[in-house]
C-alpha atoms as a PDB file:
ATOM      1  CA  MET A   1     176.704 -72.435  -1.272  1.00  0.00           C
ATOM      2  CA  ARG A   2     173.169 -71.154  -1.893  1.00  0.00           C
ATOM      3  CA  ARG A   3     172.974 -67.419  -1.483  1.00  0.00           C
ATOM      4  CA  LYS A   4     170.635 -66.064   1.163  1.00  0.00           C
ATOM      5  CA  THR A   5     167.632 -63.970   0.156  1.00  0.00           C
ATOM      6  CA  LEU A   6     166.340 -60.990   2.125  1.00  0.00           C
ATOM      7  CA  ALA A   7     162.710 -59.839   1.882  1.00  0.00           C
ATOM      8  CA  LEU A   8     162.446 -56.079   2.401  1.00  0.00           C
ATOM      9  CA  TYR A   9     159.494 -54.385   4.096  1.00  0.00           C
ATOM     10  CA  GLY A  10     159.151 -50.789   5.209  1.00  0.00           C
ATOM     11  CA  LYS A  11     156.909 -47.875   6.002  1.00  0.00           C
ATOM     12  CA  SER A  12     156.165 -45.346   3.276  1.00  0.00           C
ATOM     13  CA  ARG A  13     156.932 -42.142   5.198  1.00  0.00           C
ATOM     14  CA  GLN A  14     160.644 -42.011   5.832  1.00  0.00           C
ATOM     15  CA  ASP A  15     162.128 -39.794   3.143  1.00  0.00           C
ATOM     16  CA  GLN A  16     165.006 -38.820   5.439  1.00  0.00           C
ATOM     17  CA  ASN A  17     166.141 -42.469   5.556  1.00  0.00           C
ATOM     18  CA  LEU A  18     166.094 -43.203   1.815  1.00  0.00           C
ATOM     19  CA  THR A  19     169.840 -42.800   1.352  1.00  0.00           C
ATOM     20  CA  GLY A  20     170.519 -45.216   4.195  1.00  0.00           C
ATOM     21  CA  ILE A  21     168.031 -47.752   2.821  1.00  0.00           C
ATOM     22  CA  MET A  22     169.542 -47.546  -0.666  1.00  0.00           C
ATOM     23  CA  ASN A  23     172.993 -48.004   0.878  1.00  0.00           C
ATOM     24  CA  PHE A  24     171.681 -51.057   2.728  1.00  0.00           C
ATOM     25  CA  MET A  25     170.524 -52.614  -0.549  1.00  0.00           C
ATOM     26  CA  ALA A  26     173.862 -51.838  -2.204  1.00  0.00           C
ATOM     27  CA  GLU A  27     175.792 -53.355   0.711  1.00  0.00           C
ATOM     28  CA  ALA A  28     173.581 -56.453   0.661  1.00  0.00           C
ATOM     29  CA  ARG A  29     174.194 -56.986  -3.042  1.00  0.00           C
ATOM     30  CA  MET A  30     177.956 -56.555  -2.545  1.00  0.00           C
ATOM     31  CA  ARG A  31     177.850 -59.311   0.086  1.00  0.00           C
ATOM     32  CA  GLY A  32     176.061 -61.664  -2.303  1.00  0.00           C
ATOM     33  CA  PHE A  33     172.528 -61.508  -0.907  1.00  0.00           C
ATOM     34  CA  GLY A  34     169.487 -61.862  -3.106  1.00  0.00           C
ATOM     35  CA  LEU A  35     166.835 -59.189  -2.512  1.00  0.00           C
ATOM     36  CA  LEU A  36     163.054 -59.103  -2.786  1.00  0.00           C
ATOM     37  CA  CYS A  37     160.844 -56.111  -2.013  1.00  0.00           C
ATOM     38  CA  HIS A  38     157.247 -56.067  -0.799  1.00  0.00           C
ATOM     39  CA  GLU A  39     155.009 -54.382  -3.353  1.00  0.00           C
ATOM     40  CA  LYS A  40     153.938 -51.488  -1.107  1.00  0.00           C
ATOM     41  CA  PHE A  41     157.483 -50.694  -0.064  1.00  0.00           C
ATOM     42  CA  ALA A  42     158.659 -51.011  -3.676  1.00  0.00           C
ATOM     43  CA  ALA A  43     155.974 -48.557  -4.817  1.00  0.00           C
ATOM     44  CA  TYR A  44     157.234 -46.059  -2.256  1.00  0.00           C
ATOM     45  CA  LEU A  45     160.904 -46.526  -3.153  1.00  0.00           C
ATOM     46  CA  SER A  46     160.206 -46.282  -6.881  1.00  0.00           C
ATOM     47  CA  ARG A  47     159.083 -42.671  -6.460  1.00  0.00           C
ATOM     48  CA  PHE A  48     162.662 -41.801  -5.600  1.00  0.00           C
ATOM     49  CA  GLY A  49     166.010 -42.570  -7.139  1.00  0.00           C
ATOM     50  CA  GLU A  50     167.040 -42.203 -10.734  1.00  0.00           C
ATOM     51  CA  ASN A  51     167.404 -45.879 -11.589  1.00  0.00           C
ATOM     52  CA  PRO A  52     164.205 -47.958 -11.242  1.00  0.00           C
ATOM     53  CA  ASP A  53     166.239 -51.120 -11.890  1.00  0.00           C
ATOM     54  CA  PHE A  54     167.803 -50.590  -8.462  1.00  0.00           C
ATOM     55  CA  ILE A  55     164.514 -51.673  -6.846  1.00  0.00           C
ATOM     56  CA  PRO A  56     164.616 -55.444  -6.151  1.00  0.00           C
ATOM     57  CA  PRO A  57     162.063 -57.867  -7.665  1.00  0.00           C
ATOM     58  CA  VAL A  58     158.617 -57.282  -6.158  1.00  0.00           C
ATOM     59  CA  PHE A  59     156.431 -59.768  -4.267  1.00  0.00           C
ATOM     60  CA  SER A  60     152.980 -59.522  -2.722  1.00  0.00           C
ATOM     61  CA  GLY A  61     152.330 -62.742  -0.793  1.00  0.00           C
ATOM     62  CA  ILE A  62     154.691 -64.891   1.243  1.00  0.00           C
ATOM     63  CA  PRO A  63     158.255 -64.467  -0.053  1.00  0.00           C
ATOM     64  CA  GLU A  64     160.748 -67.265  -0.612  1.00  0.00           C
ATOM     65  CA  ALA A  65     163.289 -65.660   1.680  1.00  0.00           C
ATOM     66  CA  ASP A  66     165.656 -66.608   4.483  1.00  0.00           C
ATOM     67  CA  VAL A  67     165.260 -63.394   6.480  1.00  0.00           C
ATOM     68  CA  ALA A  68     162.824 -60.468   6.444  1.00  0.00           C
ATOM     69  CA  ILE A  69     164.121 -56.933   6.981  1.00  0.00           C
ATOM     70  CA  SER A  70     161.677 -54.382   8.419  1.00  0.00           C
ATOM     71  CA  PHE A  71     162.591 -50.695   7.944  1.00  0.00           C
ATOM     72  CA  GLY A  72     160.559 -48.612  10.383  1.00  0.00           C
ATOM     73  CA  GLY A  73     159.440 -48.716  13.985  1.00  0.00           C
ATOM     74  CA  ASP A  74     157.454 -51.255  15.968  1.00  0.00           C
ATOM     75  CA  GLY A  75     154.314 -50.679  13.889  1.00  0.00           C
ATOM     76  CA  THR A  76     156.192 -51.630  10.722  1.00  0.00           C
ATOM     77  CA  PHE A  77     157.624 -54.687  12.468  1.00  0.00           C
ATOM     78  CA  LEU A  78     154.132 -55.789  13.503  1.00  0.00           C
ATOM     79  CA  ARG A  79     152.853 -55.376   9.939  1.00  0.00           C
ATOM     80  CA  THR A  80     155.800 -57.396   8.662  1.00  0.00           C
ATOM     81  CA  ALA A  81     155.068 -60.196  11.125  1.00  0.00           C
ATOM     82  CA  ARG A  82     151.404 -60.065  10.136  1.00  0.00           C
ATOM     83  CA  ARG A  83     152.230 -60.406   6.431  1.00  0.00           C
ATOM     84  CA  LEU A  84     154.569 -63.322   7.074  1.00  0.00           C
ATOM     85  CA  ASN A  85     151.776 -65.033   9.029  1.00  0.00           C
ATOM     86  CA  ASN A  86     152.866 -68.461  10.334  1.00  0.00           C
ATOM     87  CA  THR A  87     155.989 -68.931   8.202  1.00  0.00           C
ATOM     88  CA  GLU A  88     158.390 -68.248  11.113  1.00  0.00           C
ATOM     89  CA  ILE A  89     160.799 -66.484   8.735  1.00  0.00           C
ATOM     90  CA  PRO A  90     163.205 -64.586  11.063  1.00  0.00           C
ATOM     91  CA  ILE A  91     162.682 -60.807  11.109  1.00  0.00           C
ATOM     92  CA  ALA A  92     165.377 -58.188  11.665  1.00  0.00           C
ATOM     93  CA  GLY A  93     163.998 -54.778  12.528  1.00  0.00           C
ATOM     94  CA  VAL A  94     165.974 -51.742  11.363  1.00  0.00           C
ATOM     95  CA  ASN A  95     164.707 -48.862  13.471  1.00  0.00           C
ATOM     96  CA  THR A  96     163.925 -45.771  11.413  1.00  0.00           C
ATOM     97  CA  GLY A  97     160.982 -44.866  13.654  1.00  0.00           C
ATOM     98  CA  ASN A  98     160.718 -43.756  17.271  1.00  0.00           C
ATOM     99  CA  LEU A  99     161.063 -46.100  20.253  1.00  0.00           C
ATOM    100  CA  GLY A 100     161.581 -49.348  18.378  1.00  0.00           C
ATOM    101  CA  TYR A 101     161.392 -52.028  21.094  1.00  0.00           C
ATOM    102  CA  LEU A 102     161.218 -54.694  18.379  1.00  0.00           C
ATOM    103  CA  ALA A 103     163.685 -53.129  15.943  1.00  0.00           C
ATOM    104  CA  HIS A 104     167.137 -53.814  17.388  1.00  0.00           C
ATOM    105  CA  PHE A 105     169.265 -52.408  14.557  1.00  0.00           C
ATOM    106  CA  SER A 106     169.835 -48.989  13.026  1.00  0.00           C
ATOM    107  CA  LEU A 107     170.909 -48.089   9.501  1.00  0.00           C
ATOM    108  CA  ASP A 108     174.375 -47.476  10.943  1.00  0.00           C
ATOM    109  CA  ASP A 109     174.417 -51.173  11.902  1.00  0.00           C
ATOM    110  CA  THR A 110     174.097 -52.320   8.267  1.00  0.00           C
ATOM    111  CA  PRO A 111     177.499 -54.112   8.117  1.00  0.00           C
ATOM    112  CA  LEU A 112     176.885 -55.752  11.518  1.00  0.00           C
ATOM    113  CA  LEU A 113     173.429 -56.931  10.484  1.00  0.00           C
ATOM    114  CA  LEU A 114     174.405 -58.264   7.067  1.00  0.00           C
ATOM    115  CA  ASP A 115     177.539 -60.019   8.339  1.00  0.00           C
ATOM    116  CA  GLY A 116     175.561 -61.435  11.247  1.00  0.00           C
ATOM    117  CA  ILE A 117     172.967 -62.921   8.896  1.00  0.00           C
ATOM    118  CA  LYS A 118     175.580 -64.299   6.529  1.00  0.00           C
ATOM    119  CA  LYS A 119     177.712 -65.860   9.276  1.00  0.00           C
ATOM    120  CA  LYS A 120     174.747 -66.911  11.464  1.00  0.00           C
ATOM    121  CA  MET A 121     176.059 -64.804  14.324  1.00  0.00           C
ATOM    122  CA  LEU A 122     172.763 -63.179  15.387  1.00  0.00           C
ATOM    123  CA  LYS A 123     170.530 -64.181  18.260  1.00  0.00           C
ATOM    124  CA  ILE A 124     167.149 -65.678  17.314  1.00  0.00           C
ATOM    125  CA  GLU A 125     164.460 -64.861  19.867  1.00  0.00           C
ATOM    126  CA  PRO A 126     161.192 -66.828  19.531  1.00  0.00           C
ATOM    127  CA  ARG A 127     158.320 -64.588  20.615  1.00  0.00           C
ATOM    128  CA  LYS A 128     154.923 -65.974  21.648  1.00  0.00           C
ATOM    129  CA  LEU A 129     151.672 -64.822  20.093  1.00  0.00           C
ATOM    130  CA  ILE A 130     148.052 -64.838  21.276  1.00  0.00           C
ATOM    131  CA  GLU A 131     145.303 -66.240  19.060  1.00  0.00           C
ATOM    132  CA  VAL A 132     141.647 -65.207  19.250  1.00  0.00           C
ATOM    133  CA  SER A 133     138.762 -67.236  17.845  1.00  0.00           C
ATOM    134  CA  GLY A 134     134.977 -67.021  17.931  1.00  0.00           C
ATOM    135  CA  LYS A 135     131.836 -66.597  15.883  1.00  0.00           C
ATOM    136  CA  GLY A 136     131.443 -63.324  14.020  1.00  0.00           C
ATOM    137  CA  ILE A 137     135.143 -62.732  13.292  1.00  0.00           C
ATOM    138  CA  PRO A 138     135.543 -62.154   9.526  1.00  0.00           C
ATOM    139  CA  ASP A 139     137.291 -64.990   7.675  1.00  0.00           C
ATOM    140  CA  ASP A 140     139.962 -62.647   6.286  1.00  0.00           C
ATOM    141  CA  PHE A 141     140.788 -61.109   9.676  1.00  0.00           C
ATOM    142  CA  LEU A 142     144.161 -62.352  10.939  1.00  0.00           C
ATOM    143  CA  CYS A 143     143.624 -63.416  14.528  1.00  0.00           C
ATOM    144  CA  CYS A 144     147.130 -63.742  15.998  1.00  0.00           C
ATOM    145  CA  ALA A 145     148.805 -60.924  17.922  1.00  0.00           C
ATOM    146  CA  LEU A 146     152.473 -60.411  18.739  1.00  0.00           C
ATOM    147  CA  ASN A 147     151.684 -57.466  21.037  1.00  0.00           C
ATOM    148  CA  GLU A 148     148.106 -57.585  22.243  1.00  0.00           C
ATOM    149  CA  ILE A 149     144.455 -58.345  21.681  1.00  0.00           C
ATOM    150  CA  ALA A 150     142.171 -55.593  22.964  1.00  0.00           C
ATOM    151  CA  ILE A 151     138.443 -55.573  23.591  1.00  0.00           C
ATOM    152  CA  LEU A 152     137.318 -51.962  23.422  1.00  0.00           C
ATOM    153  CA  ARG A 153     134.071 -50.065  23.685  1.00  0.00           C
ATOM    154  CA  ASP A 154     132.570 -49.029  20.366  1.00  0.00           C
ATOM    155  CA  ASP A 155     132.168 -45.356  19.427  1.00  0.00           C
ATOM    156  CA  SER A 156     130.171 -44.523  22.511  1.00  0.00           C
ATOM    157  CA  ALA A 157     130.668 -42.892  25.873  1.00  0.00           C
ATOM    158  CA  SER A 158     129.331 -46.036  27.577  1.00  0.00           C
ATOM    159  CA  MET A 159     131.531 -48.647  29.180  1.00  0.00           C
ATOM    160  CA  ILE A 160     131.471 -52.294  28.186  1.00  0.00           C
ATOM    161  CA  ASN A 161     131.296 -55.399  30.355  1.00  0.00           C
ATOM    162  CA  VAL A 162     133.845 -58.129  29.689  1.00  0.00           C
ATOM    163  CA  ASN A 163     133.098 -61.331  31.582  1.00  0.00           C
ATOM    164  CA  VAL A 164     136.309 -63.374  31.809  1.00  0.00           C
ATOM    165  CA  GLU A 165     136.758 -67.083  32.488  1.00  0.00           C
ATOM    166  CA  LEU A 166     140.266 -68.368  33.138  1.00  0.00           C
ATOM    167  CA  ASP A 167     140.777 -72.063  32.311  1.00  0.00           C
ATOM    168  CA  GLY A 168     137.054 -72.692  32.705  1.00  0.00           C
ATOM    169  CA  PHE A 169     136.603 -70.807  35.982  1.00  0.00           C
ATOM    170  CA  PHE A 170     135.052 -67.369  36.441  1.00  0.00           C
ATOM    171  CA  LEU A 171     137.710 -64.715  37.039  1.00  0.00           C
ATOM    172  CA  ALA A 172     136.086 -61.278  36.902  1.00  0.00           C
ATOM    173  CA  ASP A 173     133.535 -59.077  35.217  1.00  0.00           C
ATOM    174  CA  TYR A 174     135.457 -56.099  33.876  1.00  0.00           C
ATOM    175  CA  ARG A 175     133.357 -52.934  33.590  1.00  0.00           C
ATOM    176  CA  ALA A 176     135.687 -50.580  31.763  1.00  0.00           C
ATOM    177  CA  ASP A 177     136.497 -48.825  28.509  1.00  0.00           C
ATOM    178  CA  GLY A 178     138.154 -52.060  27.482  1.00  0.00           C
ATOM    179  CA  LEU A 179     140.404 -54.971  28.356  1.00  0.00           C
ATOM    180  CA  ILE A 180     143.894 -55.629  26.959  1.00  0.00           C
ATOM    181  CA  VAL A 181     145.309 -59.137  26.812  1.00  0.00           C
ATOM    182  CA  SER A 182     149.006 -58.721  26.126  1.00  0.00           C
ATOM    183  CA  THR A 183     151.936 -60.990  25.399  1.00  0.00           C
ATOM    184  CA  ALA A 184     155.197 -60.499  27.259  1.00  0.00           C
ATOM    185  CA  THR A 185     156.542 -58.876  24.085  1.00  0.00           C
ATOM    186  CA  GLY A 186     153.609 -56.458  24.060  1.00  0.00           C
ATOM    187  CA  SER A 187     153.991 -55.486  27.710  1.00  0.00           C
ATOM    188  CA  THR A 188     155.852 -52.318  26.633  1.00  0.00           C
ATOM    189  CA  ALA A 189     153.107 -51.317  24.177  1.00  0.00           C
ATOM    190  CA  TYR A 190     149.406 -50.621  24.871  1.00  0.00           C
ATOM    191  CA  ASN A 191     149.653 -52.569  28.123  1.00  0.00           C
ATOM    192  CA  LEU A 192     152.281 -50.180  29.484  1.00  0.00           C
ATOM    193  CA  SER A 193     150.235 -47.104  28.585  1.00  0.00           C
ATOM    194  CA  VAL A 194     147.334 -48.245  30.810  1.00  0.00           C
ATOM    195  CA  GLY A 195     149.566 -49.057  33.782  1.00  0.00           C
ATOM    196  CA  GLY A 196     150.345 -52.704  33.111  1.00  0.00           C
ATOM    197  CA  PRO A 197     153.664 -54.299  34.160  1.00  0.00           C
ATOM    198  CA  ILE A 198     156.817 -54.498  32.049  1.00  0.00           C
ATOM    199  CA  LEU A 199     157.795 -58.119  31.427  1.00  0.00           C
ATOM    200  CA  GLN A 200     160.843 -59.799  29.976  1.00  0.00           C
ATOM    201  CA  PRO A 201     159.758 -60.664  26.427  1.00  0.00           C
ATOM    202  CA  GLU A 202     160.985 -64.275  26.695  1.00  0.00           C
ATOM    203  CA  LEU A 203     158.456 -65.092  29.423  1.00  0.00           C
ATOM    204  CA  ASP A 204     155.645 -67.492  28.550  1.00  0.00           C
ATOM    205  CA  CYS A 205     152.723 -65.547  29.962  1.00  0.00           C
ATOM    206  CA  MET A 206     149.869 -63.162  29.242  1.00  0.00           C
ATOM    207  CA  VAL A 207     148.826 -59.933  30.968  1.00  0.00           C
ATOM    208  CA  LEU A 208     145.236 -58.807  31.509  1.00  0.00           C
ATOM    209  CA  SER A 209     145.063 -55.018  31.888  1.00  0.00           C
ATOM    210  CA  PRO A 210     141.758 -53.117  32.090  1.00  0.00           C
ATOM    211  CA  VAL A 211     141.373 -49.771  30.338  1.00  0.00           C
ATOM    212  CA  SER A 212     139.894 -47.158  32.708  1.00  0.00           C
ATOM    213  CA  PRO A 213     138.083 -49.716  34.924  1.00  0.00           C
ATOM    214  CA  HIS A 214     134.963 -48.701  36.863  1.00  0.00           C
ATOM    215  CA  SER A 215     136.382 -50.420  39.954  1.00  0.00           C
ATOM    216  CA  LEU A 216     139.880 -49.526  41.112  1.00  0.00           C
ATOM    217  CA  THR A 217     140.306 -53.020  42.570  1.00  0.00           C
ATOM    218  CA  LEU A 218     140.512 -54.474  39.046  1.00  0.00           C
ATOM    219  CA  ARG A 219     144.271 -54.411  38.617  1.00  0.00           C
ATOM    220  CA  PRO A 220     146.500 -55.867  35.881  1.00  0.00           C
ATOM    221  CA  ILE A 221     147.312 -59.527  36.425  1.00  0.00           C
ATOM    222  CA  VAL A 222     149.828 -61.920  34.871  1.00  0.00           C
ATOM    223  CA  ILE A 223     148.725 -65.448  33.948  1.00  0.00           C
ATOM    224  CA  SER A 224     150.386 -68.496  32.437  1.00  0.00           C
ATOM    225  CA  GLY A 225     150.963 -68.533  28.702  1.00  0.00           C
ATOM    226  CA  SER A 226     149.268 -71.932  28.546  1.00  0.00           C
ATOM    227  CA  SER A 227     146.019 -70.533  29.967  1.00  0.00           C
ATOM    228  CA  VAL A 228     142.811 -70.349  27.957  1.00  0.00           C
ATOM    229  CA  LEU A 229     140.587 -67.298  28.351  1.00  0.00           C
ATOM    230  CA  ARG A 230     136.907 -67.110  27.491  1.00  0.00           C
ATOM    231  CA  LEU A 231     135.434 -63.629  27.112  1.00  0.00           C
ATOM    232  CA  GLU A 232     131.785 -62.585  26.846  1.00  0.00           C
ATOM    233  CA  MET A 233     130.985 -58.961  26.077  1.00  0.00           C
ATOM    234  CA  SER A 234     127.932 -56.807  26.662  1.00  0.00           C
ATOM    235  CA  SER A 235     127.311 -53.097  26.186  1.00  0.00           C
ATOM    236  CA  ARG A 236     124.550 -50.529  25.737  1.00  0.00           C
ATOM    237  CA  THR A 237     125.312 -50.283  22.029  1.00  0.00           C
ATOM    238  CA  GLY A 238     125.237 -54.056  21.492  1.00  0.00           C
ATOM    239  CA  SER A 239     128.657 -53.966  19.860  1.00  0.00           C
ATOM    240  CA  TYR A 240     132.346 -53.583  20.653  1.00  0.00           C
ATOM    241  CA  ARG A 241     135.708 -53.372  18.895  1.00  0.00           C
ATOM    242  CA  LEU A 242     138.075 -56.316  18.620  1.00  0.00           C
ATOM    243  CA  SER A 243     141.630 -55.081  18.019  1.00  0.00           C
ATOM    244  CA  VAL A 244     144.538 -57.379  17.096  1.00  0.00           C
ATOM    245  CA  ASP A 245     147.864 -55.526  17.097  1.00  0.00           C
ATOM    246  CA  GLY A 246     146.047 -52.340  16.072  1.00  0.00           C
ATOM    247  CA  TYR A 247     143.872 -53.883  13.344  1.00  0.00           C
ATOM    248  CA  SER A 248     140.260 -53.737  14.490  1.00  0.00           C
ATOM    249  CA  VAL A 249     136.822 -54.933  13.528  1.00  0.00           C
ATOM    250  CA  THR A 250     133.368 -54.163  14.961  1.00  0.00           C
ATOM    251  CA  MET A 251     131.798 -57.179  16.647  1.00  0.00           C
ATOM    252  CA  LYS A 252     128.256 -57.823  17.833  1.00  0.00           C
ATOM    253  CA  GLU A 253     127.742 -59.044  21.369  1.00  0.00           C
ATOM    254  CA  GLY A 254     126.153 -62.409  21.984  1.00  0.00           C
ATOM    255  CA  HIS A 255     129.082 -64.678  21.118  1.00  0.00           C
ATOM    256  CA  SER A 256     132.101 -65.482  23.262  1.00  0.00           C
ATOM    257  CA  LEU A 257     135.735 -65.209  22.246  1.00  0.00           C
ATOM    258  CA  GLU A 258     138.491 -67.665  23.141  1.00  0.00           C
ATOM    259  CA  LEU A 259     142.075 -66.474  23.625  1.00  0.00           C
ATOM    260  CA  LYS A 260     145.050 -68.795  23.901  1.00  0.00           C
ATOM    261  CA  ALA A 261     148.652 -69.205  22.754  1.00  0.00           C
ATOM    262  CA  ALA A 262     149.066 -69.314  18.982  1.00  0.00           C
ATOM    263  CA  PRO A 263     150.513 -72.506  17.431  1.00  0.00           C
ATOM    264  CA  TYR A 264     153.545 -70.681  16.017  1.00  0.00           C
ATOM    265  CA  VAL A 265     156.028 -67.989  17.054  1.00  0.00           C
ATOM    266  CA  VAL A 266     157.643 -64.913  15.544  1.00  0.00           C
ATOM    267  CA  LYS A 267     161.427 -65.210  15.295  1.00  0.00           C
ATOM    268  CA  LEU A 268     163.133 -61.913  16.054  1.00  0.00           C
ATOM    269  CA  LEU A 269     166.797 -61.311  15.184  1.00  0.00           C
ATOM    270  CA  SER A 270     168.989 -59.256  17.507  1.00  0.00           C
ATOM    271  CA  PRO A 271     172.695 -58.815  18.279  1.00  0.00           C
ATOM    272  CA  HIS A 272     174.109 -61.251  20.846  1.00  0.00           C
ATOM    273  CA  ASP A 273     175.159 -58.384  23.107  1.00  0.00           C
ATOM    274  CA  ASP A 274     171.678 -56.850  23.116  1.00  0.00           C
ATOM    275  CA  THR A 275     169.968 -57.268  26.506  1.00  0.00           C
ATOM    276  CA  PHE A 276     166.533 -56.535  27.925  1.00  0.00           C
ATOM    277  CA  ALA A 277     168.021 -54.305  30.628  1.00  0.00           C
ATOM    278  CA  ALA A 278     170.007 -52.239  28.121  1.00  0.00           C
ATOM    279  CA  SER A 279     166.970 -51.889  25.874  1.00  0.00           C
ATOM    280  CA  LEU A 280     164.827 -50.568  28.720  1.00  0.00           C
ATOM    281  CA  ARG A 281     167.477 -48.088  29.798  1.00  0.00           C
ATOM    282  CA  GLU A 282     167.810 -46.799  26.258  1.00  0.00           C
ATOM    283  CA  LYS A 283     164.117 -46.683  25.293  1.00  0.00           C
ATOM    284  CA  LEU A 284     162.735 -45.427  28.622  1.00  0.00           C
ATOM    285  CA  LEU A 285     165.656 -43.109  29.369  1.00  0.00           C
ATOM    286  CA  TRP A 286     166.251 -44.685  32.781  1.00  0.00           C
ATOM    287  CA  GLY A 287     169.088 -43.186  34.763  1.00  0.00           C
ATOM    288  CA  ARG A 288     169.323 -40.023  32.667  1.00  0.00           C
ATOM    289  CA  ARG A 289     169.215 -36.562  34.194  1.00  0.00           C
END
């Protein structure tokens, strides 16, 4: 039987978790897994520990791996998904950060996670992404978002106008600090902070949530995941910020953007007994006094 290979990713500011991460690698080797380590994470780990040979072989591009392990919070998970691009390699998030909506395991769950991968006993959740396209986007800018795509005002006190067409028909002209187009997965991220709804992450839909709208009648709305949005921006500065899962670029007005479902998904690994309701209760502290 071919041994499974794990590709390790992680944030570089988690000194308090180093012992747990090293124990994870030791446990994985004991169970017969092959290990690879992303170059940035390897550079961080190599500053600690007495034996540099303990660090797995390093990679920089797309790894030849069966599963990716992300040590960190949701930001680390998003970076991992971004680096894996359209490979659909399943990702298991080990939460060493804060809320961790996407990271369903802890370092204490190491045996559960490793045995689950080896015995194929984990749940695979396909998560939809949104893709943005249009003139002026740099060629090296990755345009698919697991959480959200945001159109934001540039460094100015002025609002921007975002004219939105939904499936070829005029929807609204948003005068606001920005507009967030979120996936169901991203409903608990930026979308939630501006008053958008919480959605079950398996839903095939998108949410449009304005940021500080000029008109209070412009409320968040949920649309079909198969919809196509066309956005045209205008502002006093002549520019705006396009943000894709927190990575942003300055764009000039004058060209429209098209947003639609991406042609691939992100596969998230979670325990079979993990539920959306339980996750919300734990992360949002519902029912606690």
